[in-house]
Structure formats: C-alpha cells, structure tokens
Amino acid sequence: MGNCSGKKGAGSDLEEEIDFRGGNVHVITSKESWDQKILEANKDGKIVVANFSASWCGPCRMIAPLYKELSQKYPSLMFLTIDVDELMEFSSSWDIRATPTFLFLKDGQQLDKLIGANRPELEKKIIMIVDSLVQCSKGSN
C-alpha cells in the first residue's frame, strides 16, 4: 500500500506516461465533464467510484490496471479518474490530500473514501457496494 502527497521532484523524469483510460473508466478533464457523469450516474442509479490520482504517482500507476479491471468486472458502477494536477481546485474541493484517493458517491454524496493504493481494501469496498446494490434491488422486487 502506498500513496503520494507531493509533486514529483524536478529530477524525476517518467519515461512512460500512465494511461488511466481503458475498461469502463471515464477520464474527467473538467468540472463540466464531472457534472455530466454524476448526472448520468444519478439517472441510471449507479454508484460512482472516483479515482483522484496523478501521472507521476508510483502507487497510482501500480493500481491503475486493477482499477480498469474492476471497471470491466462491475459495470453496475461508474468508474471515473481525475488527474489532481489538471483539476487542482476541483480536487481540493473534495479534500483530496494524497493520491490515489478513491471516493465512493451516491447521488453526488460521499458514501466512503479510501486513501492509498490498497488493492485488497479497494476490492473489498467495491464488492460491499455491489452487494448492497444487489440487496436493494432484491428488496424492491
């Protein structure tokens, strides 16, 4: 498990930029695209998993493939990725202090939060959310 809380040093030069796209992950590049995806999720009754990360963050790079895999495995959730460097003010408005930080949102409201690239905990939280959605849908039949 790990997280990053500062910007990359001036001397660090990453050869390869991480690709946060793929699977069913939507890359958020503006407040408007965030609002659009949140409205879409609300309309579809989906819970949003928002990954606040940075391209220079080692733990973010390590967890990105799992995040993509989870987005394909659980299409009943909406997976978003936000680059904290591109959307600094927006990220600050959600009190993001380290990367990666995962927020779990329903109807635009925070249900849960996970700080750090903790694979087992991320999977556990997503499974709990999916299970709760299944229970809710069974209860409404």
C-alpha atoms as a PDB file:
ATOM      1  CA  MET A   1       0.000   0.000   0.000  1.00  0.00           C
ATOM      2  CA  GLY A   2       1.209   3.484  -0.670  1.00  0.00           C
ATOM      3  CA  ASN A   3       0.201   6.987  -1.502  1.00  0.00           C
ATOM      4  CA  CYS A   4       1.773  10.181  -2.751  1.00  0.00           C
ATOM      5  CA  SER A   5       1.317  13.524  -1.089  1.00  0.00           C
ATOM      6  CA  GLY A   6       3.732  15.729  -3.014  1.00  0.00           C
ATOM      7  CA  LYS A   7       4.543  16.566  -6.596  1.00  0.00           C
ATOM      8  CA  LYS A   8       7.276  14.748  -8.473  1.00  0.00           C
ATOM      9  CA  GLY A   9      10.763  16.103  -7.964  1.00  0.00           C
ATOM     10  CA  ALA A  10      12.336  18.236 -10.664  1.00  0.00           C
ATOM     11  CA  GLY A  11      14.851  15.486 -11.419  1.00  0.00           C
ATOM     12  CA  SER A  12      12.373  12.655 -11.844  1.00  0.00           C
ATOM     13  CA  ASP A  13      11.523  12.001 -15.454  1.00  0.00           C
ATOM     14  CA  LEU A  14       8.983   9.278 -16.102  1.00  0.00           C
ATOM     15  CA  GLU A  15       9.705   7.576 -19.397  1.00  0.00           C
ATOM     16  CA  GLU A  16       6.180   6.305 -19.771  1.00  0.00           C
ATOM     17  CA  GLU A  17       3.029   8.241 -19.026  1.00  0.00           C
ATOM     18  CA  ILE A  18       0.414   6.122 -17.332  1.00  0.00           C
ATOM     19  CA  ASP A  19      -2.792   5.553 -19.242  1.00  0.00           C
ATOM     20  CA  PHE A  20      -5.730   5.948 -16.887  1.00  0.00           C
ATOM     21  CA  ARG A  21      -8.158   5.199 -19.727  1.00  0.00           C
ATOM     22  CA  GLY A  22      -9.442   1.772 -20.598  1.00  0.00           C
ATOM     23  CA  GLY A  23     -12.033  -0.653 -19.413  1.00  0.00           C
ATOM     24  CA  ASN A  24     -15.081   1.315 -18.371  1.00  0.00           C
ATOM     25  CA  VAL A  25     -13.045   4.135 -16.813  1.00  0.00           C
ATOM     26  CA  HIS A  26     -14.077   7.674 -17.785  1.00  0.00           C
ATOM     27  CA  VAL A  27     -11.298  10.263 -17.567  1.00  0.00           C
ATOM     28  CA  ILE A  28     -12.598  13.552 -16.169  1.00  0.00           C
ATOM     29  CA  THR A  29     -10.916  16.604 -17.653  1.00  0.00           C
ATOM     30  CA  SER A  30     -13.217  19.395 -16.441  1.00  0.00           C
ATOM     31  CA  LYS A  31     -15.804  20.266 -13.806  1.00  0.00           C
ATOM     32  CA  GLU A  32     -18.397  20.108 -16.593  1.00  0.00           C
ATOM     33  CA  SER A  33     -17.484  16.531 -17.546  1.00  0.00           C
ATOM     34  CA  TRP A  34     -17.661  15.596 -13.817  1.00  0.00           C
ATOM     35  CA  ASP A  35     -21.122  17.132 -13.518  1.00  0.00           C
ATOM     36  CA  GLN A  36     -22.269  15.337 -16.659  1.00  0.00           C
ATOM     37  CA  LYS A  37     -21.077  11.929 -15.401  1.00  0.00           C
ATOM     38  CA  ILE A  38     -22.573  12.486 -11.936  1.00  0.00           C
ATOM     39  CA  LEU A  39     -25.947  13.359 -13.527  1.00  0.00           C
ATOM     40  CA  GLU A  40     -25.691  10.279 -15.742  1.00  0.00           C
ATOM     41  CA  ALA A  41     -24.874   8.055 -12.744  1.00  0.00           C
ATOM     42  CA  ASN A  42     -27.756   9.532 -10.712  1.00  0.00           C
ATOM     43  CA  LYS A  43     -30.192   8.991 -13.592  1.00  0.00           C
ATOM     44  CA  ASP A  44     -29.025   5.377 -14.006  1.00  0.00           C
ATOM     45  CA  GLY A  45     -28.976   4.717 -10.236  1.00  0.00           C
ATOM     46  CA  LYS A  46     -25.239   3.970 -10.324  1.00  0.00           C
ATOM     47  CA  ILE A  47     -22.738   4.486  -7.557  1.00  0.00           C
ATOM     48  CA  VAL A  48     -19.628   6.386  -8.671  1.00  0.00           C
ATOM     49  CA  VAL A  49     -16.098   5.280  -7.846  1.00  0.00           C
ATOM     50  CA  ALA A  50     -13.853   8.313  -8.348  1.00  0.00           C
ATOM     51  CA  ASN A  51     -10.086   7.805  -8.502  1.00  0.00           C
ATOM     52  CA  PHE A  52      -8.170  11.022  -7.757  1.00  0.00           C
ATOM     53  CA  SER A  53      -4.640  10.311  -8.975  1.00  0.00           C
ATOM     54  CA  ALA A  54      -1.587  11.769 -10.690  1.00  0.00           C
ATOM     55  CA  SER A  55       0.526  10.537 -13.592  1.00  0.00           C
ATOM     56  CA  TRP A  56       3.757  10.933 -11.602  1.00  0.00           C
ATOM     57  CA  CYS A  57       2.476   8.959  -8.588  1.00  0.00           C
ATOM     58  CA  GLY A  58       4.003   5.468  -8.346  1.00  0.00           C
ATOM     59  CA  PRO A  59       1.184   3.907  -6.280  1.00  0.00           C
ATOM     60  CA  CYS A  60      -1.371   5.415  -8.718  1.00  0.00           C
ATOM     61  CA  ARG A  61       0.472   3.764 -11.590  1.00  0.00           C
ATOM     62  CA  MET A  62       0.509   0.432  -9.769  1.00  0.00           C
ATOM     63  CA  ILE A  63      -3.223   0.376  -9.021  1.00  0.00           C
ATOM     64  CA  ALA A  64      -4.415   1.673 -12.425  1.00  0.00           C
ATOM     65  CA  PRO A  65      -4.564  -1.797 -14.086  1.00  0.00           C
ATOM     66  CA  LEU A  66      -6.662  -3.165 -11.190  1.00  0.00           C
ATOM     67  CA  TYR A  67      -8.966  -0.134 -11.383  1.00  0.00           C
ATOM     68  CA  LYS A  68      -9.511  -0.793 -15.114  1.00  0.00           C
ATOM     69  CA  GLU A  69     -10.147  -4.478 -14.406  1.00  0.00           C
ATOM     70  CA  LEU A  70     -12.686  -3.644 -11.684  1.00  0.00           C
ATOM     71  CA  SER A  71     -14.446  -1.224 -14.050  1.00  0.00           C
ATOM     72  CA  GLN A  72     -14.969  -4.080 -16.502  1.00  0.00           C
ATOM     73  CA  LYS A  73     -15.981  -6.563 -13.810  1.00  0.00           C
ATOM     74  CA  TYR A  74     -18.568  -4.238 -12.214  1.00  0.00           C
ATOM     75  CA  PRO A  75     -20.433  -2.351 -14.977  1.00  0.00           C
ATOM     76  CA  SER A  76     -23.193  -1.526 -12.485  1.00  0.00           C
ATOM     77  CA  LEU A  77     -20.824   1.107 -11.040  1.00  0.00           C
ATOM     78  CA  MET A  78     -19.436   4.185 -12.794  1.00  0.00           C
ATOM     79  CA  PHE A  79     -15.642   4.489 -12.620  1.00  0.00           C
ATOM     80  CA  LEU A  80     -14.099   7.947 -13.002  1.00  0.00           C
ATOM     81  CA  THR A  81     -10.469   9.089 -12.914  1.00  0.00           C
ATOM     82  CA  ILE A  82      -9.438  12.646 -12.110  1.00  0.00           C
ATOM     83  CA  ASP A  83      -5.862  13.911 -12.526  1.00  0.00           C
ATOM     84  CA  VAL A  84      -5.304  16.110  -9.474  1.00  0.00           C
ATOM     85  CA  ASP A  85      -2.732  18.212 -11.339  1.00  0.00           C
ATOM     86  CA  GLU A  86      -5.162  19.015 -14.149  1.00  0.00           C
ATOM     87  CA  LEU A  87      -8.054  19.759 -11.793  1.00  0.00           C
ATOM     88  CA  MET A  88      -6.308  21.090  -8.674  1.00  0.00           C
ATOM     89  CA  GLU A  89      -9.058  23.371  -7.429  1.00  0.00           C
ATOM     90  CA  PHE A  90     -11.739  20.759  -8.055  1.00  0.00           C
ATOM     91  CA  SER A  91      -9.693  18.069  -6.268  1.00  0.00           C
ATOM     92  CA  SER A  92      -9.181  20.397  -3.317  1.00  0.00           C
ATOM     93  CA  SER A  93     -12.930  20.952  -3.115  1.00  0.00           C
ATOM     94  CA  TRP A  94     -13.225  17.200  -2.339  1.00  0.00           C
ATOM     95  CA  ASP A  95     -10.441  17.482   0.293  1.00  0.00           C
ATOM     96  CA  ILE A  96      -8.000  15.328  -1.691  1.00  0.00           C
ATOM     97  CA  ARG A  97      -4.652  15.478   0.117  1.00  0.00           C
ATOM     98  CA  ALA A  98      -2.919  12.343  -1.198  1.00  0.00           C
ATOM     99  CA  THR A  99      -3.025  10.182  -4.291  1.00  0.00           C
ATOM    100  CA  PRO A 100      -4.556   7.880  -5.049  1.00  0.00           C
ATOM    101  CA  THR A 101      -7.744   8.688  -3.185  1.00  0.00           C
ATOM    102  CA  PHE A 102     -10.905   6.812  -4.087  1.00  0.00           C
ATOM    103  CA  LEU A 103     -14.288   8.345  -3.331  1.00  0.00           C
ATOM    104  CA  PHE A 104     -17.498   6.348  -3.446  1.00  0.00           C
ATOM    105  CA  LEU A 105     -20.511   8.536  -4.262  1.00  0.00           C
ATOM    106  CA  LYS A 106     -24.250   8.021  -4.498  1.00  0.00           C
ATOM    107  CA  ASP A 107     -26.436  10.840  -5.776  1.00  0.00           C
ATOM    108  CA  GLY A 108     -23.360  13.080  -5.671  1.00  0.00           C
ATOM    109  CA  GLN A 109     -22.859  12.478  -1.931  1.00  0.00           C
ATOM    110  CA  GLN A 110     -19.805  10.748  -0.476  1.00  0.00           C
ATOM    111  CA  LEU A 111     -20.527   7.280   0.935  1.00  0.00           C
ATOM    112  CA  ASP A 112     -16.967   6.201   1.603  1.00  0.00           C
ATOM    113  CA  LYS A 113     -13.322   7.083   0.993  1.00  0.00           C
ATOM    114  CA  LEU A 114     -10.105   5.110   0.576  1.00  0.00           C
ATOM    115  CA  ILE A 115      -6.696   6.773   0.634  1.00  0.00           C
ATOM    116  CA  GLY A 116      -3.748   4.901  -0.846  1.00  0.00           C
ATOM    117  CA  ALA A 117      -3.179   2.092  -3.327  1.00  0.00           C
ATOM    118  CA  ASN A 118      -4.571  -0.635  -1.080  1.00  0.00           C
ATOM    119  CA  ARG A 119      -5.657  -3.321  -3.560  1.00  0.00           C
ATOM    120  CA  PRO A 120      -7.464  -5.652  -1.120  1.00  0.00           C
ATOM    121  CA  GLU A 121      -9.313  -2.765   0.545  1.00  0.00           C
ATOM    122  CA  LEU A 122     -10.362  -1.249  -2.798  1.00  0.00           C
ATOM    123  CA  GLU A 123     -11.706  -4.603  -3.961  1.00  0.00           C
ATOM    124  CA  LYS A 124     -13.443  -5.168  -0.610  1.00  0.00           C
ATOM    125  CA  LYS A 125     -15.178  -1.769  -0.684  1.00  0.00           C
ATOM    126  CA  ILE A 126     -16.344  -2.258  -4.278  1.00  0.00           C
ATOM    127  CA  ILE A 127     -17.680  -5.756  -3.520  1.00  0.00           C
ATOM    128  CA  MET A 128     -19.530  -4.397  -0.456  1.00  0.00           C
ATOM    129  CA  ILE A 129     -21.121  -1.668  -2.593  1.00  0.00           C
ATOM    130  CA  VAL A 130     -22.109  -4.099  -5.344  1.00  0.00           C
ATOM    131  CA  ASP A 131     -23.547  -6.494  -2.745  1.00  0.00           C
ATOM    132  CA  SER A 132     -25.561  -3.668  -1.183  1.00  0.00           C
ATOM    133  CA  LEU A 133     -26.938  -2.749  -4.636  1.00  0.00           C
ATOM    134  CA  VAL A 134     -27.970  -6.367  -5.208  1.00  0.00           C
ATOM    135  CA  GLN A 135     -29.693  -6.488  -1.800  1.00  0.00           C
ATOM    136  CA  CYS A 136     -31.523  -3.209  -2.540  1.00  0.00           C
ATOM    137  CA  SER A 137     -32.744  -4.457  -5.903  1.00  0.00           C
ATOM    138  CA  LYS A 138     -33.918  -7.733  -4.358  1.00  0.00           C
ATOM    139  CA  GLY A 139     -35.759  -5.814  -1.658  1.00  0.00           C
ATOM    140  CA  SER A 140     -37.595  -3.685  -4.208  1.00  0.00           C
ATOM    141  CA  ASN A 141     -38.996  -6.657  -6.167  1.00  0.00           C
END
